[in-house]
Amino acid sequence: MESTIPSTIPQVDRSALSREELAGALRRPQHLLRLVLVQRERLFASIAREQHLWLLAGALLLGSLLYALPFGAVLGVARFWRVAVLLLGSLAICVPSLHVVGAFIGSRLRLAQTLCLALVISSVASLFTFGFFPIVWFLGATMQEGSAVESGLAVALLGVSLSAGIAQFVRSQRAVSLLRELQPTFTLLLLGWLGLLVFITFRLALSLGLV
């Protein structure tokens, strides 16, 4: 006689984040990891349903800034701000075009929604740089100053971080599209915009001396 083991599949929570949760993330930025990676379905729901968007944007912006500082510091203490400026500066340059052209083709997204979607990229990328900065610090401490291995790996890890942010952005766009019934042309716009963002980020990285 075969015994059966009952299995339960946990239900994914897709409720929007509450005002209290977002205010807590502003006071305790260490909660950003859970907010954008672990509870991403709730993050996407908050954006799609327009729930407390400016609080959400504030939490994503603060996390993008704070978590990028350690990686920048190990690349050069005097210019610790470079990685944060790279991630947020490229978005500041590119987000207006995303919102204006999106409105032109009928995306129906509010400015706060567009901003939160874009900040998903910088916040996830920033979290990844925070995870990688001990590696770069160790190599810098144990290798000859200016080593090609150290500098090359730092650039590669920055690229991986940005790629992770873009991947999460694509996930969020799909979820928001399902909830908002966005037109297919908006997806084409996003693909072109992501190409523009990568190009602008590369040019900014050159200007900041990161590559």
N, C-alpha and C. Protein backbone atom coordinates (compact mmCIF):
# COMPACT_ATOMS: atom_id res chain seq x y z
N MET A 1 0.85 -1.19 0.00
CA MET A 1 0.00 0.00 0.00
C MET A 1 0.88 1.24 0.00
N GLU A 2 0.66 2.10 -0.98
CA GLU A 2 1.50 3.30 -1.10
C GLU A 2 0.97 4.40 -0.17
N SER A 3 1.90 5.02 0.49
CA SER A 3 1.52 6.14 1.35
C SER A 3 1.62 7.42 0.55
N THR A 4 0.70 8.29 0.76
CA THR A 4 0.69 9.58 0.06
C THR A 4 1.12 10.66 1.03
N ILE A 5 2.01 11.52 0.55
CA ILE A 5 2.48 12.64 1.36
C ILE A 5 1.79 13.90 0.86
N PRO A 6 0.98 14.50 1.69
CA PRO A 6 0.26 15.70 1.24
C PRO A 6 1.26 16.81 0.94
N SER A 7 1.01 17.46 -0.15
CA SER A 7 1.88 18.58 -0.55
C SER A 7 1.04 19.84 -0.68
N THR A 8 1.57 20.88 -0.22
CA THR A 8 0.89 22.17 -0.32
C THR A 8 1.78 23.15 -1.06
N ILE A 9 1.19 23.89 -1.95
CA ILE A 9 1.92 24.92 -2.69
C ILE A 9 1.57 26.26 -2.07
N PRO A 10 2.56 26.96 -1.51
CA PRO A 10 2.26 28.24 -0.87
C PRO A 10 1.74 29.26 -1.88
N GLN A 11 0.74 29.97 -1.49
CA GLN A 11 0.17 31.00 -2.34
C GLN A 11 1.06 32.24 -2.34
N VAL A 12 1.27 32.79 -3.52
CA VAL A 12 2.08 34.00 -3.64
C VAL A 12 1.23 35.21 -3.27
N ASP A 13 1.74 36.02 -2.37
CA ASP A 13 1.04 37.23 -1.94
C ASP A 13 1.21 38.31 -3.01
N ARG A 14 0.10 38.72 -3.62
CA ARG A 14 0.14 39.75 -4.65
C ARG A 14 -0.59 41.01 -4.22
N SER A 15 -0.73 41.18 -2.91
CA SER A 15 -1.36 42.40 -2.41
C SER A 15 -0.36 43.56 -2.50
N ALA A 16 -0.88 44.77 -2.65
CA ALA A 16 -0.02 45.94 -2.71
C ALA A 16 0.63 46.19 -1.36
N LEU A 17 1.82 46.77 -1.39
CA LEU A 17 2.51 47.11 -0.14
C LEU A 17 1.77 48.22 0.58
N SER A 18 1.71 48.11 1.89
CA SER A 18 0.98 49.10 2.68
C SER A 18 1.84 50.35 2.92
N ARG A 19 1.17 51.42 3.31
CA ARG A 19 1.89 52.65 3.63
C ARG A 19 2.88 52.43 4.77
N GLU A 20 2.47 51.63 5.77
CA GLU A 20 3.35 51.38 6.91
C GLU A 20 4.60 50.62 6.49
N GLU A 21 4.45 49.65 5.60
CA GLU A 21 5.61 48.89 5.13
C GLU A 21 6.58 49.77 4.36
N LEU A 22 6.05 50.65 3.53
CA LEU A 22 6.92 51.53 2.75
C LEU A 22 7.58 52.58 3.63
N ALA A 23 6.84 53.09 4.59
CA ALA A 23 7.44 54.04 5.53
C ALA A 23 8.54 53.35 6.33
N GLY A 24 8.33 52.10 6.69
CA GLY A 24 9.37 51.35 7.40
C GLY A 24 10.60 51.14 6.54
N ALA A 25 10.41 50.93 5.22
CA ALA A 25 11.55 50.78 4.32
C ALA A 25 12.34 52.07 4.20
N LEU A 26 11.66 53.21 4.31
CA LEU A 26 12.36 54.49 4.29
C LEU A 26 13.19 54.68 5.55
N ARG A 27 12.66 54.23 6.68
CA ARG A 27 13.40 54.36 7.94
C ARG A 27 14.49 53.32 8.07
N ARG A 28 14.28 52.14 7.47
CA ARG A 28 15.24 51.04 7.58
C ARG A 28 15.53 50.50 6.18
N PRO A 29 16.46 51.14 5.47
CA PRO A 29 16.75 50.75 4.09
C PRO A 29 17.20 49.30 3.93
N GLN A 30 17.60 48.65 5.03
CA GLN A 30 18.02 47.25 4.92
C GLN A 30 16.87 46.35 4.48
N HIS A 31 15.63 46.85 4.57
CA HIS A 31 14.48 46.07 4.15
C HIS A 31 14.28 46.10 2.64
N LEU A 32 15.08 46.89 1.92
CA LEU A 32 14.90 47.02 0.49
C LEU A 32 15.09 45.68 -0.22
N LEU A 33 16.03 44.86 0.26
CA LEU A 33 16.28 43.57 -0.36
C LEU A 33 15.00 42.74 -0.42
N ARG A 34 14.30 42.68 0.68
CA ARG A 34 13.05 41.91 0.73
C ARG A 34 11.99 42.56 -0.16
N LEU A 35 11.97 43.88 -0.18
CA LEU A 35 10.94 44.59 -0.90
C LEU A 35 11.04 44.36 -2.41
N VAL A 36 12.24 44.46 -2.98
CA VAL A 36 12.37 44.42 -4.44
C VAL A 36 12.69 43.03 -4.98
N LEU A 37 13.19 42.12 -4.15
CA LEU A 37 13.55 40.80 -4.64
C LEU A 37 12.62 39.71 -4.10
N VAL A 38 12.43 39.67 -2.80
CA VAL A 38 11.62 38.61 -2.20
C VAL A 38 10.13 38.86 -2.43
N GLN A 39 9.70 40.09 -2.23
CA GLN A 39 8.28 40.44 -2.37
C GLN A 39 8.00 41.17 -3.67
N ARG A 40 8.66 40.76 -4.74
CA ARG A 40 8.55 41.52 -5.98
C ARG A 40 7.13 41.54 -6.54
N GLU A 41 6.34 40.46 -6.31
CA GLU A 41 4.96 40.47 -6.80
C GLU A 41 4.15 41.57 -6.14
N ARG A 42 4.41 41.82 -4.87
CA ARG A 42 3.70 42.90 -4.17
C ARG A 42 4.19 44.26 -4.64
N LEU A 43 5.48 44.34 -4.94
CA LEU A 43 6.02 45.58 -5.51
C LEU A 43 5.36 45.88 -6.84
N PHE A 44 5.26 44.87 -7.71
CA PHE A 44 4.64 45.08 -9.01
C PHE A 44 3.16 45.46 -8.86
N ALA A 45 2.49 44.83 -7.90
CA ALA A 45 1.08 45.15 -7.67
C ALA A 45 0.91 46.59 -7.20
N SER A 46 1.82 47.06 -6.36
CA SER A 46 1.76 48.44 -5.88
C SER A 46 1.88 49.42 -7.04
N ILE A 47 2.79 49.13 -7.98
CA ILE A 47 2.98 50.01 -9.12
C ILE A 47 1.76 49.98 -10.03
N ALA A 48 1.25 48.80 -10.32
CA ALA A 48 0.12 48.66 -11.24
C ALA A 48 -1.14 49.30 -10.67
N ARG A 49 -1.33 49.17 -9.34
CA ARG A 49 -2.57 49.66 -8.72
C ARG A 49 -2.43 51.05 -8.14
N GLU A 50 -1.26 51.67 -8.35
CA GLU A 50 -1.01 53.06 -7.93
C GLU A 50 -1.18 53.24 -6.42
N GLN A 51 -0.58 52.34 -5.66
CA GLN A 51 -0.69 52.38 -4.21
C GLN A 51 0.56 53.01 -3.59
N HIS A 52 0.41 54.19 -3.02
CA HIS A 52 1.49 54.86 -2.27
C HIS A 52 2.77 54.97 -3.11
N LEU A 53 2.62 55.43 -4.34
CA LEU A 53 3.74 55.40 -5.29
C LEU A 53 4.89 56.30 -4.90
N TRP A 54 4.60 57.47 -4.33
CA TRP A 54 5.70 58.38 -4.01
C TRP A 54 6.49 57.87 -2.81
N LEU A 55 5.82 57.20 -1.88
CA LEU A 55 6.55 56.54 -0.80
C LEU A 55 7.44 55.42 -1.36
N LEU A 56 6.89 54.67 -2.29
CA LEU A 56 7.64 53.60 -2.92
C LEU A 56 8.84 54.16 -3.68
N ALA A 57 8.62 55.23 -4.42
CA ALA A 57 9.73 55.85 -5.16
C ALA A 57 10.81 56.33 -4.20
N GLY A 58 10.40 56.88 -3.07
CA GLY A 58 11.38 57.35 -2.08
C GLY A 58 12.21 56.21 -1.52
N ALA A 59 11.55 55.09 -1.23
CA ALA A 59 12.28 53.92 -0.70
C ALA A 59 13.26 53.36 -1.73
N LEU A 60 12.82 53.28 -3.00
CA LEU A 60 13.69 52.77 -4.06
C LEU A 60 14.85 53.71 -4.32
N LEU A 61 14.59 55.01 -4.27
CA LEU A 61 15.65 56.00 -4.50
C LEU A 61 16.68 55.96 -3.38
N LEU A 62 16.21 55.92 -2.14
CA LEU A 62 17.12 55.88 -1.01
C LEU A 62 17.98 54.61 -1.04
N GLY A 63 17.35 53.48 -1.32
CA GLY A 63 18.11 52.24 -1.40
C GLY A 63 19.11 52.25 -2.53
N SER A 64 18.72 52.82 -3.68
CA SER A 64 19.63 52.91 -4.82
C SER A 64 20.88 53.70 -4.46
N LEU A 65 20.69 54.73 -3.69
CA LEU A 65 21.81 55.59 -3.30
C LEU A 65 22.69 54.91 -2.26
N LEU A 66 22.11 54.43 -1.19
CA LEU A 66 22.89 53.92 -0.06
C LEU A 66 23.64 52.63 -0.41
N TYR A 67 22.98 51.72 -1.10
CA TYR A 67 23.61 50.42 -1.36
C TYR A 67 24.70 50.49 -2.43
N ALA A 68 24.71 51.57 -3.21
CA ALA A 68 25.76 51.71 -4.23
C ALA A 68 27.04 52.32 -3.66
N LEU A 69 26.97 52.95 -2.49
CA LEU A 69 28.14 53.65 -1.94
C LEU A 69 29.31 52.73 -1.60
N PRO A 70 29.10 51.56 -0.98
CA PRO A 70 30.26 50.71 -0.65
C PRO A 70 31.06 50.27 -1.87
N PHE A 71 30.40 49.91 -2.97
CA PHE A 71 31.11 49.51 -4.17
C PHE A 71 31.92 50.67 -4.71
N GLY A 72 31.32 51.87 -4.71
CA GLY A 72 32.07 53.04 -5.15
C GLY A 72 33.25 53.33 -4.27
N ALA A 73 33.10 53.10 -2.96
CA ALA A 73 34.19 53.39 -2.03
C ALA A 73 35.38 52.47 -2.23
N VAL A 74 35.14 51.20 -2.55
CA VAL A 74 36.29 50.30 -2.75
C VAL A 74 36.99 50.57 -4.07
N LEU A 75 36.31 51.26 -4.99
CA LEU A 75 36.97 51.66 -6.23
C LEU A 75 37.78 52.93 -6.05
N GLY A 76 37.53 53.65 -4.98
CA GLY A 76 38.25 54.88 -4.69
C GLY A 76 37.51 55.68 -3.65
N VAL A 77 38.06 55.76 -2.45
CA VAL A 77 37.35 56.37 -1.33
C VAL A 77 36.96 57.82 -1.63
N ALA A 78 37.84 58.55 -2.30
CA ALA A 78 37.57 59.96 -2.59
C ALA A 78 36.43 60.14 -3.58
N ARG A 79 36.13 59.09 -4.34
CA ARG A 79 35.07 59.18 -5.34
C ARG A 79 34.04 58.07 -5.10
N PHE A 80 33.67 57.93 -3.83
CA PHE A 80 32.74 56.87 -3.43
C PHE A 80 31.37 57.03 -4.06
N TRP A 81 31.06 58.22 -4.54
CA TRP A 81 29.74 58.54 -5.06
C TRP A 81 29.55 58.11 -6.52
N ARG A 82 30.61 57.65 -7.20
CA ARG A 82 30.53 57.45 -8.64
C ARG A 82 29.51 56.39 -9.06
N VAL A 83 29.46 55.28 -8.35
CA VAL A 83 28.54 54.21 -8.76
C VAL A 83 27.09 54.66 -8.57
N ALA A 84 26.80 55.33 -7.47
CA ALA A 84 25.44 55.84 -7.24
C ALA A 84 25.05 56.84 -8.32
N VAL A 85 25.98 57.73 -8.67
CA VAL A 85 25.70 58.70 -9.73
C VAL A 85 25.50 58.00 -11.07
N LEU A 86 26.28 56.95 -11.31
CA LEU A 86 26.13 56.20 -12.56
C LEU A 86 24.73 55.61 -12.68
N LEU A 87 24.26 54.93 -11.63
CA LEU A 87 22.97 54.25 -11.69
C LEU A 87 21.81 55.23 -11.72
N LEU A 88 21.86 56.25 -10.87
CA LEU A 88 20.75 57.20 -10.80
C LEU A 88 20.83 58.26 -11.89
N GLY A 89 22.06 58.64 -12.26
CA GLY A 89 22.22 59.66 -13.29
C GLY A 89 21.72 59.19 -14.64
N SER A 90 22.02 57.95 -15.00
CA SER A 90 21.55 57.44 -16.29
C SER A 90 20.03 57.37 -16.33
N LEU A 91 19.40 57.03 -15.21
CA LEU A 91 17.94 57.03 -15.16
C LEU A 91 17.38 58.44 -15.27
N ALA A 92 18.01 59.39 -14.59
CA ALA A 92 17.54 60.77 -14.66
C ALA A 92 17.57 61.30 -16.09
N ILE A 93 18.55 60.86 -16.86
CA ILE A 93 18.67 61.28 -18.25
C ILE A 93 17.61 60.61 -19.13
N CYS A 94 17.31 59.35 -18.84
CA CYS A 94 16.48 58.55 -19.75
C CYS A 94 15.00 58.47 -19.38
N VAL A 95 14.65 58.65 -18.12
CA VAL A 95 13.25 58.48 -17.70
C VAL A 95 12.29 59.45 -18.38
N PRO A 96 12.64 60.74 -18.55
CA PRO A 96 11.69 61.63 -19.24
C PRO A 96 11.28 61.13 -20.63
N SER A 97 12.23 60.58 -21.37
CA SER A 97 11.89 60.08 -22.71
C SER A 97 10.93 58.89 -22.61
N LEU A 98 11.15 58.01 -21.63
CA LEU A 98 10.26 56.87 -21.46
C LEU A 98 8.84 57.32 -21.17
N HIS A 99 8.68 58.29 -20.30
CA HIS A 99 7.34 58.72 -19.91
C HIS A 99 6.65 59.47 -21.04
N VAL A 100 7.37 60.39 -21.70
CA VAL A 100 6.75 61.21 -22.75
C VAL A 100 6.36 60.35 -23.95
N VAL A 101 7.29 59.53 -24.42
CA VAL A 101 6.98 58.68 -25.58
C VAL A 101 5.92 57.64 -25.21
N GLY A 102 5.99 57.11 -23.99
CA GLY A 102 4.97 56.17 -23.54
C GLY A 102 3.59 56.80 -23.54
N ALA A 103 3.48 58.04 -23.07
CA ALA A 103 2.19 58.74 -23.09
C ALA A 103 1.71 58.95 -24.53
N PHE A 104 2.64 59.21 -25.43
CA PHE A 104 2.29 59.45 -26.83
C PHE A 104 1.67 58.21 -27.47
N ILE A 105 2.19 57.03 -27.11
CA ILE A 105 1.65 55.80 -27.71
C ILE A 105 0.52 55.21 -26.88
N GLY A 106 0.14 55.89 -25.80
CA GLY A 106 -1.03 55.47 -25.04
C GLY A 106 -0.78 54.49 -23.92
N SER A 107 0.36 54.61 -23.20
CA SER A 107 0.65 53.66 -22.13
C SER A 107 -0.23 53.85 -20.90
N ARG A 108 -0.73 55.07 -20.68
CA ARG A 108 -1.62 55.40 -19.57
C ARG A 108 -0.95 55.28 -18.20
N LEU A 109 0.37 55.16 -18.16
CA LEU A 109 1.07 55.13 -16.88
C LEU A 109 1.27 56.55 -16.35
N ARG A 110 1.04 56.73 -15.08
CA ARG A 110 1.30 58.01 -14.45
C ARG A 110 2.81 58.20 -14.25
N LEU A 111 3.21 59.45 -14.04
CA LEU A 111 4.63 59.75 -13.86
C LEU A 111 5.23 58.95 -12.72
N ALA A 112 4.50 58.85 -11.60
CA ALA A 112 5.02 58.10 -10.46
C ALA A 112 5.19 56.62 -10.79
N GLN A 113 4.31 56.07 -11.61
CA GLN A 113 4.46 54.67 -12.01
C GLN A 113 5.70 54.48 -12.88
N THR A 114 5.88 55.37 -13.85
CA THR A 114 7.07 55.29 -14.71
C THR A 114 8.33 55.41 -13.87
N LEU A 115 8.33 56.33 -12.92
CA LEU A 115 9.50 56.53 -12.07
C LEU A 115 9.79 55.30 -11.23
N CYS A 116 8.76 54.70 -10.65
CA CYS A 116 8.97 53.50 -9.83
C CYS A 116 9.48 52.33 -10.67
N LEU A 117 8.93 52.17 -11.87
CA LEU A 117 9.42 51.11 -12.75
C LEU A 117 10.89 51.30 -13.06
N ALA A 118 11.30 52.54 -13.35
CA ALA A 118 12.70 52.80 -13.66
C ALA A 118 13.59 52.60 -12.44
N LEU A 119 13.11 53.00 -11.27
CA LEU A 119 13.91 52.85 -10.06
C LEU A 119 14.08 51.39 -9.64
N VAL A 120 13.25 50.51 -10.17
CA VAL A 120 13.49 49.08 -9.95
C VAL A 120 14.87 48.70 -10.48
N ILE A 121 15.24 49.28 -11.63
CA ILE A 121 16.55 48.97 -12.22
C ILE A 121 17.67 49.39 -11.28
N SER A 122 17.65 50.65 -10.84
CA SER A 122 18.75 51.16 -10.02
C SER A 122 18.79 50.49 -8.65
N SER A 123 17.63 50.20 -8.07
CA SER A 123 17.62 49.61 -6.73
C SER A 123 18.16 48.18 -6.76
N VAL A 124 17.75 47.40 -7.76
CA VAL A 124 18.26 46.02 -7.86
C VAL A 124 19.75 46.03 -8.20
N ALA A 125 20.15 46.88 -9.14
CA ALA A 125 21.57 46.98 -9.49
C ALA A 125 22.40 47.39 -8.27
N SER A 126 21.88 48.32 -7.50
CA SER A 126 22.59 48.79 -6.31
C SER A 126 22.74 47.67 -5.28
N LEU A 127 21.68 46.89 -5.09
CA LEU A 127 21.76 45.76 -4.16
C LEU A 127 22.81 44.74 -4.61
N PHE A 128 22.89 44.51 -5.91
CA PHE A 128 23.89 43.57 -6.41
C PHE A 128 25.30 44.11 -6.20
N THR A 129 25.50 45.41 -6.41
CA THR A 129 26.84 45.96 -6.16
C THR A 129 27.20 45.83 -4.69
N PHE A 130 26.21 45.95 -3.81
CA PHE A 130 26.46 45.78 -2.37
C PHE A 130 26.90 44.34 -2.09
N GLY A 131 26.27 43.40 -2.77
CA GLY A 131 26.68 42.01 -2.59
C GLY A 131 28.07 41.72 -3.14
N PHE A 132 28.49 42.48 -4.16
CA PHE A 132 29.77 42.23 -4.80
C PHE A 132 30.94 43.01 -4.20
N PHE A 133 30.64 44.08 -3.45
CA PHE A 133 31.74 44.96 -3.04
C PHE A 133 32.80 44.26 -2.16
N PRO A 134 32.45 43.27 -1.30
CA PRO A 134 33.53 42.60 -0.55
C PRO A 134 34.53 41.88 -1.45
N ILE A 135 34.05 41.36 -2.59
CA ILE A 135 34.95 40.68 -3.53
C ILE A 135 35.95 41.66 -4.10
N VAL A 136 35.46 42.81 -4.54
CA VAL A 136 36.34 43.82 -5.12
C VAL A 136 37.30 44.37 -4.07
N TRP A 137 36.79 44.55 -2.85
CA TRP A 137 37.67 45.03 -1.76
C TRP A 137 38.79 44.03 -1.50
N PHE A 138 38.46 42.75 -1.44
CA PHE A 138 39.48 41.73 -1.17
C PHE A 138 40.54 41.71 -2.26
N LEU A 139 40.11 41.77 -3.50
CA LEU A 139 41.08 41.77 -4.60
C LEU A 139 41.96 43.01 -4.55
N GLY A 140 41.35 44.15 -4.22
CA GLY A 140 42.14 45.38 -4.12
C GLY A 140 43.15 45.33 -2.99
N ALA A 141 42.79 44.62 -1.91
CA ALA A 141 43.69 44.53 -0.76
C ALA A 141 44.81 43.52 -0.96
N THR A 142 44.61 42.57 -1.86
CA THR A 142 45.59 41.49 -2.01
C THR A 142 46.33 41.53 -3.34
N MET A 143 45.97 42.45 -4.22
CA MET A 143 46.64 42.55 -5.52
C MET A 143 47.40 43.86 -5.63
N GLN A 144 48.28 43.92 -6.58
CA GLN A 144 49.02 45.14 -6.83
C GLN A 144 48.06 46.25 -7.28
N GLU A 145 48.31 47.45 -6.81
CA GLU A 145 47.43 48.57 -7.12
C GLU A 145 47.37 48.77 -8.64
N GLY A 146 46.14 48.94 -9.13
CA GLY A 146 45.95 49.13 -10.56
C GLY A 146 45.95 47.85 -11.36
N SER A 147 45.81 46.71 -10.71
CA SER A 147 45.82 45.43 -11.40
C SER A 147 44.70 45.36 -12.43
N ALA A 148 45.04 44.80 -13.61
CA ALA A 148 44.05 44.68 -14.66
C ALA A 148 42.94 43.70 -14.26
N VAL A 149 43.29 42.69 -13.47
CA VAL A 149 42.30 41.71 -13.02
C VAL A 149 41.27 42.40 -12.13
N GLU A 150 41.75 43.19 -11.18
CA GLU A 150 40.84 43.88 -10.26
C GLU A 150 39.92 44.83 -11.01
N SER A 151 40.49 45.69 -11.86
CA SER A 151 39.68 46.67 -12.58
C SER A 151 38.73 45.99 -13.55
N GLY A 152 39.20 44.93 -14.22
CA GLY A 152 38.33 44.22 -15.15
C GLY A 152 37.17 43.54 -14.46
N LEU A 153 37.44 42.93 -13.31
CA LEU A 153 36.38 42.27 -12.57
C LEU A 153 35.37 43.29 -12.04
N ALA A 154 35.85 44.44 -11.60
CA ALA A 154 34.95 45.48 -11.10
C ALA A 154 33.98 45.92 -12.20
N VAL A 155 34.50 46.12 -13.40
CA VAL A 155 33.65 46.51 -14.52
C VAL A 155 32.65 45.40 -14.84
N ALA A 156 33.13 44.15 -14.84
CA ALA A 156 32.25 43.02 -15.13
C ALA A 156 31.12 42.91 -14.10
N LEU A 157 31.45 43.10 -12.82
CA LEU A 157 30.43 43.00 -11.77
C LEU A 157 29.44 44.15 -11.85
N LEU A 158 29.92 45.32 -12.27
CA LEU A 158 28.98 46.43 -12.52
C LEU A 158 28.02 46.06 -13.64
N GLY A 159 28.57 45.42 -14.69
CA GLY A 159 27.71 45.00 -15.78
C GLY A 159 26.69 43.96 -15.35
N VAL A 160 27.11 43.02 -14.52
CA VAL A 160 26.18 42.01 -14.00
C VAL A 160 25.09 42.67 -13.16
N SER A 161 25.48 43.64 -12.35
CA SER A 161 24.51 44.34 -11.49
C SER A 161 23.46 45.07 -12.33
N LEU A 162 23.93 45.77 -13.35
CA LEU A 162 22.99 46.48 -14.23
C LEU A 162 22.08 45.49 -14.96
N SER A 163 22.64 44.37 -15.40
CA SER A 163 21.83 43.35 -16.08
C SER A 163 20.75 42.79 -15.17
N ALA A 164 21.09 42.60 -13.89
CA ALA A 164 20.09 42.12 -12.93
C ALA A 164 18.97 43.14 -12.75
N GLY A 165 19.34 44.42 -12.71
CA GLY A 165 18.33 45.46 -12.60
C GLY A 165 17.41 45.48 -13.80
N ILE A 166 17.98 45.32 -14.99
CA ILE A 166 17.18 45.32 -16.21
C ILE A 166 16.26 44.09 -16.24
N ALA A 167 16.78 42.94 -15.82
CA ALA A 167 15.96 41.73 -15.79
C ALA A 167 14.76 41.90 -14.86
N GLN A 168 14.98 42.53 -13.70
CA GLN A 168 13.87 42.76 -12.78
C GLN A 168 12.89 43.77 -13.35
N PHE A 169 13.41 44.75 -14.07
CA PHE A 169 12.55 45.74 -14.74
C PHE A 169 11.64 45.05 -15.76
N VAL A 170 12.20 44.12 -16.53
CA VAL A 170 11.39 43.40 -17.52
C VAL A 170 10.30 42.59 -16.82
N ARG A 171 10.65 41.96 -15.70
CA ARG A 171 9.64 41.23 -14.93
C ARG A 171 8.53 42.17 -14.48
N SER A 172 8.91 43.33 -13.97
CA SER A 172 7.91 44.27 -13.46
C SER A 172 7.04 44.79 -14.60
N GLN A 173 7.64 45.02 -15.77
CA GLN A 173 6.87 45.51 -16.91
C GLN A 173 5.82 44.48 -17.34
N ARG A 174 6.21 43.21 -17.33
CA ARG A 174 5.25 42.16 -17.70
C ARG A 174 4.09 42.12 -16.74
N ALA A 175 4.40 42.20 -15.44
CA ALA A 175 3.34 42.14 -14.43
C ALA A 175 2.42 43.35 -14.53
N VAL A 176 3.00 44.52 -14.70
CA VAL A 176 2.20 45.74 -14.80
C VAL A 176 1.37 45.73 -16.08
N SER A 177 1.93 45.21 -17.16
CA SER A 177 1.20 45.14 -18.42
C SER A 177 -0.05 44.27 -18.28
N LEU A 178 0.07 43.15 -17.56
CA LEU A 178 -1.07 42.28 -17.36
C LEU A 178 -2.17 42.96 -16.56
N LEU A 179 -1.76 43.72 -15.57
CA LEU A 179 -2.75 44.38 -14.71
C LEU A 179 -3.32 45.64 -15.33
N ARG A 180 -2.52 46.31 -16.16
CA ARG A 180 -2.95 47.58 -16.76
C ARG A 180 -3.42 47.43 -18.20
N GLU A 181 -3.29 46.25 -18.79
CA GLU A 181 -3.68 46.00 -20.17
C GLU A 181 -3.02 47.00 -21.11
N LEU A 182 -1.70 47.11 -21.02
CA LEU A 182 -0.96 48.03 -21.86
C LEU A 182 -0.90 47.52 -23.29
N GLN A 183 -0.76 48.45 -24.23
CA GLN A 183 -0.70 48.08 -25.63
C GLN A 183 0.62 47.38 -25.95
N PRO A 184 0.62 46.46 -26.94
CA PRO A 184 1.86 45.78 -27.34
C PRO A 184 2.96 46.74 -27.77
N THR A 185 2.57 47.90 -28.32
CA THR A 185 3.58 48.87 -28.76
C THR A 185 4.41 49.39 -27.59
N PHE A 186 3.86 49.33 -26.38
CA PHE A 186 4.61 49.78 -25.22
C PHE A 186 5.78 48.86 -24.94
N THR A 187 5.62 47.56 -25.20
CA THR A 187 6.72 46.62 -25.03
C THR A 187 7.85 46.94 -26.00
N LEU A 188 7.51 47.29 -27.22
CA LEU A 188 8.52 47.67 -28.21
C LEU A 188 9.25 48.92 -27.75
N LEU A 189 8.50 49.87 -27.20
CA LEU A 189 9.12 51.08 -26.68
C LEU A 189 10.12 50.74 -25.58
N LEU A 190 9.74 49.84 -24.69
CA LEU A 190 10.62 49.49 -23.57
C LEU A 190 11.92 48.86 -24.07
N LEU A 191 11.83 48.02 -25.09
CA LEU A 191 13.04 47.40 -25.62
C LEU A 191 13.99 48.45 -26.18
N GLY A 192 13.44 49.40 -26.94
CA GLY A 192 14.27 50.48 -27.46
C GLY A 192 14.83 51.35 -26.35
N TRP A 193 14.01 51.59 -25.33
CA TRP A 193 14.46 52.45 -24.23
C TRP A 193 15.56 51.78 -23.43
N LEU A 194 15.46 50.47 -23.24
CA LEU A 194 16.51 49.76 -22.51
C LEU A 194 17.83 49.83 -23.27
N GLY A 195 17.78 49.74 -24.58
CA GLY A 195 19.00 49.91 -25.37
C GLY A 195 19.60 51.29 -25.18
N LEU A 196 18.73 52.31 -25.17
CA LEU A 196 19.19 53.68 -24.93
C LEU A 196 19.80 53.81 -23.54
N LEU A 197 19.16 53.20 -22.55
CA LEU A 197 19.65 53.29 -21.17
C LEU A 197 21.04 52.66 -21.05
N VAL A 198 21.24 51.51 -21.67
CA VAL A 198 22.55 50.85 -21.61
C VAL A 198 23.61 51.73 -22.26
N PHE A 199 23.27 52.36 -23.39
CA PHE A 199 24.23 53.23 -24.07
C PHE A 199 24.57 54.45 -23.22
N ILE A 200 23.55 55.08 -22.65
CA ILE A 200 23.78 56.27 -21.82
C ILE A 200 24.58 55.88 -20.57
N THR A 201 24.30 54.73 -19.99
CA THR A 201 25.04 54.28 -18.81
C THR A 201 26.51 54.07 -19.15
N PHE A 202 26.77 53.48 -20.30
CA PHE A 202 28.14 53.27 -20.73
C PHE A 202 28.87 54.60 -20.94
N ARG A 203 28.20 55.55 -21.58
CA ARG A 203 28.83 56.86 -21.81
C ARG A 203 29.08 57.58 -20.47
N LEU A 204 28.15 57.47 -19.55
CA LEU A 204 28.32 58.09 -18.25
C LEU A 204 29.45 57.41 -17.47
N ALA A 205 29.54 56.09 -17.59
CA ALA A 205 30.62 55.36 -16.91
C ALA A 205 31.98 55.82 -17.44
N LEU A 206 32.07 56.07 -18.72
CA LEU A 206 33.31 56.59 -19.30
C LEU A 206 33.64 57.97 -18.71
N SER A 207 32.63 58.81 -18.61
CA SER A 207 32.83 60.17 -18.08
C SER A 207 33.26 60.13 -16.61
N LEU A 208 32.77 59.15 -15.86
CA LEU A 208 33.08 59.04 -14.44
C LEU A 208 34.38 58.26 -14.19
N GLY A 209 34.98 57.74 -15.24
CA GLY A 209 36.21 56.99 -15.10
C GLY A 209 36.03 55.61 -14.50
N LEU A 210 34.85 55.02 -14.70
CA LEU A 210 34.57 53.69 -14.15
C LEU A 210 34.95 52.58 -15.13
N VAL A 211 35.11 52.92 -16.38
CA VAL A 211 35.54 51.93 -17.38
C VAL A 211 36.67 52.52 -18.22
